[in-house]
Protein backbone atom coordinates (compact mmCIF):
# COMPACT_ATOMS: atom_id res chain seq x y z
CA UNK A 1 100.43 95.50 81.39
CA UNK A 2 99.55 95.22 85.05
CA UNK A 3 96.15 93.74 85.75
CA UNK A 4 94.17 92.91 88.85
CA UNK A 5 95.94 89.57 88.74
CA UNK A 6 99.52 90.68 89.19
CA UNK A 7 102.06 88.87 87.02
CA UNK A 8 104.52 86.23 88.19
CA UNK A 9 108.33 86.14 88.49
CA UNK A 10 109.71 83.22 86.59
CA UNK A 11 111.57 82.39 83.48
CA UNK A 12 111.78 80.04 80.64
CA UNK A 13 110.79 76.44 80.71
CA UNK A 14 107.33 75.25 81.65
CA UNK A 15 108.65 72.37 83.77
CA UNK A 16 111.24 74.44 85.55
CA UNK A 17 110.53 77.70 87.27
CA UNK A 18 112.60 80.69 88.23
CA UNK A 19 113.94 81.13 91.70
CA UNK A 20 112.96 84.45 93.25
CA UNK A 21 114.99 85.70 96.21
CA UNK A 22 112.95 87.67 98.72
CA UNK A 23 114.20 90.54 100.93
CA UNK A 24 114.43 89.67 104.66
CA UNK A 25 111.85 92.29 105.70
CA UNK A 26 109.30 90.75 103.31
CA UNK A 27 110.14 87.26 104.55
CA UNK A 28 109.39 88.38 108.08
CA UNK A 29 106.25 90.41 107.35
CA UNK A 30 104.65 87.97 104.90
CA UNK A 31 105.96 84.72 106.42
CA UNK A 32 107.48 83.72 103.10
CA UNK A 33 110.69 81.73 102.52
CA UNK A 34 113.86 83.48 101.36
CA UNK A 35 113.54 81.73 97.97
CA UNK A 36 110.38 80.90 96.05
CA UNK A 37 110.12 79.07 92.74
CA UNK A 38 107.64 80.66 90.35
CA UNK A 39 106.41 79.98 86.83
CA UNK A 40 106.15 82.43 83.96
CA UNK A 41 107.93 83.68 80.89
CA UNK A 42 107.84 87.39 81.79
CA UNK A 43 108.46 89.38 84.95
CA UNK A 44 104.75 90.15 85.15
CA UNK A 45 103.74 86.48 84.86
CA UNK A 46 106.25 85.59 87.55
CA UNK A 47 104.90 88.25 89.91
CA UNK A 48 101.39 86.90 89.30
CA UNK A 49 102.53 83.41 90.28
CA UNK A 50 104.30 84.69 93.39
CA UNK A 51 101.10 86.46 94.45
CA UNK A 52 99.06 83.35 93.65
CA UNK A 53 101.31 81.38 96.03
CA UNK A 54 101.50 84.10 98.70
CA UNK A 55 98.50 86.46 98.28
CA UNK A 56 99.50 88.55 101.31
CA UNK A 57 102.65 89.75 99.51
CA UNK A 58 100.60 91.77 97.00
CA UNK A 59 100.19 94.78 99.29
CA UNK A 60 103.94 94.79 99.94
CA UNK A 61 104.75 94.70 96.22
CA UNK A 62 102.11 97.13 94.92
CA UNK A 63 100.31 100.18 96.27
CA UNK A 64 96.51 100.67 95.82
CA UNK A 65 97.18 102.16 92.34
CA UNK A 66 99.17 99.05 91.28
CA UNK A 67 102.46 100.94 91.37
CA UNK A 68 105.48 99.01 92.58
CA UNK A 69 106.71 99.58 96.12
CA UNK A 70 109.83 97.44 95.74
CA UNK A 71 113.00 97.21 93.68
CA UNK A 72 113.26 94.18 91.43
CA UNK A 73 116.60 93.13 90.00
CA UNK A 74 117.42 90.64 87.28
CA UNK A 75 120.99 89.34 87.48
CA UNK A 76 121.88 92.22 89.84
CA UNK A 77 120.59 94.84 87.37
CA UNK A 78 117.88 97.06 88.81
CA UNK A 79 115.07 97.03 86.29
CA UNK A 80 111.94 97.74 88.26
CA UNK A 81 111.77 100.52 90.79
CA UNK A 82 109.06 102.42 92.60
CA UNK A 83 106.18 103.52 90.39
CA UNK A 84 107.50 101.79 87.27
CA UNK A 85 105.42 99.22 85.38
CA UNK A 86 106.98 99.35 81.91
CA UNK A 87 109.26 96.33 82.29
CA UNK A 88 106.67 93.77 83.43
CA UNK A 89 106.49 92.32 79.92
CA UNK A 90 110.25 91.69 79.77
CA UNK A 91 110.89 88.06 78.77
CA UNK A 92 113.14 86.16 81.13
CA UNK A 93 115.83 83.61 80.30
CA UNK A 94 115.99 80.27 82.14
CA UNK A 95 119.13 81.27 84.05
CA UNK A 96 117.94 84.74 85.15
CA UNK A 97 118.18 85.45 88.87
CA UNK A 98 115.38 87.56 90.32
CA UNK A 99 115.53 89.48 93.60
CA UNK A 100 112.84 91.50 95.30
CA UNK A 101 114.33 94.19 97.54
CA UNK A 102 112.56 96.45 99.98
CA UNK A 103 112.95 100.19 99.40
CA UNK A 104 113.45 102.42 102.43
CA UNK A 105 113.14 106.17 102.75
CA UNK A 106 113.36 108.56 105.59
CA UNK A 107 115.78 110.64 107.49
């Protein structure tokens, strides 16, 4: 469940975090590296850790109603999309690869 402290993106072992790959537009806007190591056993915990490390990314990840503004993939499978919170409790495996992708719309 999404709380005021947004979860982190990480997997598995306590000593070893999960590498999160960040979309170029977010790297530029938030001044964040292309890869960030985070700690957590679930997607939500990993997002919380990412926000703990880079608080300014929160507004790029979530809208004022705590709905996601980005696409999150695990091992190239899209699992979190705009306005979806149901998968934040998904447990990650140590070898999972996480990507945060910007979503564009317009015409």
